[in-house]
N, C-alpha and C. Protein backbone atom coordinates (compact mmCIF):
# COMPACT_ATOMS: atom_id res chain seq x y z
N MET A 1 -7.22 178.81 411.23
CA MET A 1 -5.39 178.98 411.30
C MET A 1 -5.11 177.87 412.42
N THR A 2 -3.99 176.90 411.66
CA THR A 2 -3.75 175.80 412.98
C THR A 2 -2.26 175.78 412.94
N ALA A 3 -1.71 175.77 414.44
CA ALA A 3 -0.24 175.69 414.68
C ALA A 3 0.68 174.64 413.52
N VAL A 4 1.58 175.54 413.60
CA VAL A 4 2.64 174.25 412.57
C VAL A 4 3.73 174.08 414.54
N LYS A 5 3.89 174.72 414.71
CA LYS A 5 4.50 175.08 416.15
C LYS A 5 3.87 175.13 417.39
N ASP A 6 4.02 174.25 418.55
CA ASP A 6 3.78 174.27 419.72
C ASP A 6 4.67 174.24 420.44
N TYR A 7 5.49 175.68 421.13
CA TYR A 7 6.53 174.80 422.41
C TYR A 7 6.54 176.10 423.67
N THR A 8 6.84 175.93 424.68
CA THR A 8 7.19 177.23 425.65
C THR A 8 8.83 177.24 425.73
N VAL A 9 8.73 178.30 425.42
CA VAL A 9 10.13 179.01 426.02
C VAL A 9 10.05 179.96 427.11
N HIS A 10 11.30 180.44 427.31
CA HIS A 10 12.18 181.01 429.05
C HIS A 10 12.63 182.25 428.33
N ILE A 11 12.12 183.40 428.72
CA ILE A 11 13.35 184.61 428.83
C ILE A 11 14.45 184.68 429.65
N ASP A 12 15.13 184.86 429.07
CA ASP A 12 16.77 184.86 429.59
C ASP A 12 16.94 186.10 430.32
N SER A 13 18.26 186.11 430.69
CA SER A 13 18.50 187.48 431.65
C SER A 13 18.55 188.78 431.12
N LYS A 14 18.21 188.90 429.89
CA LYS A 14 18.27 189.75 428.79
C LYS A 14 17.25 189.87 428.35
N LYS A 15 16.19 189.32 428.99
CA LYS A 15 14.92 189.43 428.59
C LYS A 15 14.44 189.31 426.72
N ARG A 16 15.18 187.85 426.59
CA ARG A 16 15.11 187.70 425.17
C ARG A 16 14.72 186.41 425.18
N ILE A 17 14.01 186.10 424.02
CA ILE A 17 13.24 184.32 423.69
C ILE A 17 14.08 184.29 422.19
N THR A 18 14.06 182.57 421.90
CA THR A 18 15.03 182.02 421.12
C THR A 18 13.97 181.39 420.63
N LEU A 19 13.47 181.94 418.83
CA LEU A 19 12.96 180.81 418.06
C LEU A 19 13.78 179.88 417.75
N ARG A 20 12.97 178.62 417.59
CA ARG A 20 13.45 177.71 417.42
C ARG A 20 13.21 177.13 415.83
N GLY A 21 14.53 177.34 415.09
CA GLY A 21 14.40 176.62 413.44
C GLY A 21 13.28 177.83 412.71
N ALA A 22 13.60 179.18 413.19
CA ALA A 22 12.99 180.37 412.44
C ALA A 22 13.12 180.68 410.68
N LEU A 23 11.96 180.28 410.36
CA LEU A 23 12.01 180.69 409.00
C LEU A 23 12.95 182.16 408.48
N PHE A 24 13.01 183.12 408.71
CA PHE A 24 13.15 184.17 408.78
C PHE A 24 14.26 184.87 409.63
N GLN A 25 14.95 185.59 409.21
CA GLN A 25 15.64 186.53 410.04
C GLN A 25 15.45 187.75 410.54
N TYR A 26 14.20 188.60 409.82
CA TYR A 26 13.87 189.59 410.44
C TYR A 26 12.43 189.38 410.84
N TYR A 27 12.31 190.18 412.12
CA TYR A 27 10.43 189.95 412.50
C TYR A 27 10.17 191.66 412.92
N ASN A 28 8.97 191.33 412.43
CA ASN A 28 8.31 193.12 412.89
C ASN A 28 7.53 191.94 414.30
N VAL A 29 7.44 193.15 415.42
CA VAL A 29 7.10 192.41 416.85
C VAL A 29 5.71 193.33 416.57
N LYS A 30 4.37 192.91 417.30
CA LYS A 30 3.54 194.05 418.09
C LYS A 30 3.50 193.10 419.21
N GLU A 31 3.18 194.02 420.41
CA GLU A 31 3.33 193.77 421.65
C GLU A 31 2.00 193.96 422.46
N TYR A 32 0.77 193.74 422.26
CA TYR A 32 -0.27 194.00 423.19
C TYR A 32 -0.74 194.13 424.89
N ASP A 33 -1.20 194.95 425.41
CA ASP A 33 -1.28 195.21 426.33
C ASP A 33 -1.97 193.64 427.18
N ASN A 34 -2.63 192.64 426.86
CA ASN A 34 -2.70 191.57 427.30
C ASN A 34 -1.97 190.74 427.27
N GLY A 35 -0.93 190.84 427.12
CA GLY A 35 -0.13 189.73 426.83
C GLY A 35 0.90 188.99 425.72
N CYS A 36 -0.14 189.28 424.71
CA CYS A 36 -0.37 188.57 423.55
C CYS A 36 1.29 189.30 422.97
N ILE A 37 1.79 188.61 421.97
CA ILE A 37 3.07 189.29 420.95
C ILE A 37 2.69 188.59 420.19
N MET A 38 2.83 189.18 418.74
CA MET A 38 2.55 188.50 417.65
C MET A 38 3.66 189.40 416.95
N LEU A 39 3.90 187.75 416.16
CA LEU A 39 5.90 188.30 415.45
C LEU A 39 5.02 187.98 413.66
N GLU A 40 5.51 189.03 412.66
CA GLU A 40 5.30 188.96 411.34
C GLU A 40 6.59 189.10 410.84
N PRO A 41 7.01 187.86 409.72
CA PRO A 41 8.03 187.65 408.93
C PRO A 41 8.57 189.21 408.17
N ARG A 42 9.61 189.64 408.52
CA ARG A 42 10.40 190.99 407.55
C ARG A 42 11.17 190.14 406.15
N GLU A 43 11.22 190.71 404.68
CA GLU A 43 12.09 190.18 404.44
C GLU A 43 12.72 192.01 403.68
N LEU A 44 13.99 192.34 404.38
CA LEU A 44 14.69 193.26 403.72
C LEU A 44 14.96 193.33 402.48
N THR A 45 14.46 194.26 401.29
CA THR A 45 15.42 194.99 400.02
C THR A 45 15.57 195.65 400.00
N ILE A 46 16.24 195.70 398.70
CA ILE A 46 17.22 196.77 398.14
C ILE A 46 16.01 197.55 397.24
N PRO A 47 15.83 198.75 397.98
CA PRO A 47 14.69 199.54 397.14
C PRO A 47 15.29 199.78 396.47
N GLU A 48 13.87 199.76 394.57
CA GLU A 48 13.88 200.14 393.69
C GLU A 48 14.44 201.89 392.92
N CYS A 49 14.43 202.07 393.84
CA CYS A 49 14.81 203.85 393.63
C CYS A 49 15.41 204.66 394.63
N VAL A 50 15.57 206.33 394.35
CA VAL A 50 16.13 206.60 396.06
C VAL A 50 15.06 207.45 395.95
N SER A 51 14.73 208.00 397.37
CA SER A 51 13.36 208.14 397.75
C SER A 51 13.75 209.60 397.69
N ALA A 52 12.83 210.87 396.94
CA ALA A 52 12.75 212.14 397.33
C ALA A 52 13.22 213.00 398.09
N ARG A 53 12.97 212.52 399.37
CA ARG A 53 13.37 213.17 400.51
C ARG A 53 15.22 212.91 400.60
N THR A 54 15.65 211.70 400.08
CA THR A 54 17.27 211.50 399.81
C THR A 54 17.90 212.77 399.38
N LEU A 55 17.07 212.71 397.78
CA LEU A 55 17.75 213.16 396.27
C LEU A 55 17.78 214.67 397.29
N GLU A 56 16.43 215.28 398.56
CA GLU A 56 16.42 216.49 398.31
C GLU A 56 17.61 217.35 399.25
N ASP A 57 17.64 216.01 400.23
CA ASP A 57 19.37 216.40 401.05
C ASP A 57 20.81 216.60 400.23
N MET A 58 20.76 215.29 399.02
CA MET A 58 21.93 215.65 398.20
C MET A 58 21.91 216.75 397.74
N ASP A 59 20.64 217.23 396.87
CA ASP A 59 20.88 218.80 396.78
C ASP A 59 20.94 219.83 397.50
N LYS A 60 20.88 219.82 398.68
CA LYS A 60 21.16 220.77 399.65
C LYS A 60 22.61 220.18 400.07
N ALA A 61 23.01 219.44 400.14
CA ALA A 61 25.02 219.04 400.35
C ALA A 61 25.57 219.87 399.34
N ILE A 62 24.67 219.20 398.19
CA ILE A 62 25.74 220.08 397.20
C ILE A 62 26.07 221.10 397.06
N ASN A 63 24.83 222.06 397.69
CA ASN A 63 24.40 223.30 397.55
C ASN A 63 25.36 223.85 397.86
N ASN A 64 25.19 223.59 399.62
CA ASN A 64 26.29 223.55 400.70
C ASN A 64 27.74 223.72 400.11
N PHE A 65 28.39 222.95 399.19
CA PHE A 65 29.86 222.30 398.83
C PHE A 65 29.77 223.84 398.10
N LYS A 66 28.71 224.01 396.86
CA LYS A 66 29.56 225.36 396.33
C LYS A 66 29.74 226.62 396.76
N ILE A 67 28.42 226.73 397.91
CA ILE A 67 28.68 228.26 398.59
C ILE A 67 29.86 228.11 399.70
N GLY A 68 30.94 227.10 400.15
CA GLY A 68 31.68 226.88 400.69
C GLY A 68 31.54 226.98 402.39
N GLU A 69 30.11 226.10 402.47
CA GLU A 69 29.34 225.76 403.29
C GLU A 69 30.16 224.23 404.02
N VAL A 70 31.29 224.23 404.65
CA VAL A 70 31.52 223.05 404.59
C VAL A 70 32.84 222.39 405.28
N SER A 71 33.13 221.76 406.26
CA SER A 71 32.87 221.13 407.77
C SER A 71 35.16 220.96 407.34
N PRO A 72 35.34 221.28 408.54
CA PRO A 72 36.64 221.82 407.97
C PRO A 72 37.64 220.32 407.31
N ILE A 73 38.61 220.81 406.67
CA ILE A 73 38.98 219.51 405.92
C ILE A 73 39.88 218.44 407.51
N VAL A 74 39.97 217.22 407.12
CA VAL A 74 40.24 215.70 408.30
C VAL A 74 41.88 216.12 407.43
N ASP A 75 42.81 216.03 408.61
CA ASP A 75 44.20 215.87 408.00
C ASP A 75 43.80 213.85 408.46
N LEU A 76 43.89 212.97 407.28
CA LEU A 76 44.83 211.30 407.49
C LEU A 76 45.94 211.19 407.09
N SER A 77 46.48 212.16 406.87
CA SER A 77 48.15 211.89 407.15
C SER A 77 49.11 210.61 408.34
N ASP A 78 48.01 211.12 409.20
CA ASP A 78 48.31 210.08 410.15
C ASP A 78 47.97 208.71 409.77
N PHE A 79 47.32 208.08 408.54
CA PHE A 79 46.92 206.81 408.81
C PHE A 79 47.68 206.09 407.56
């Protein structure tokens, strides 16, 4: 694998670095104990379906609503 870019960066006062001309907005970072840092690009996508865990939580919320286990009414009249 050949290097496309080769430049030196410094860490700022908040321990951040800046990637010049980054192609992606999000990166997965792996930091190794020998000092190497691996950046892998990530693209966030909208899931194609709702997860089983989310559906289970929604079912629990509806069941709680039906049996009356709900939070007190929020007064929004001030808004």
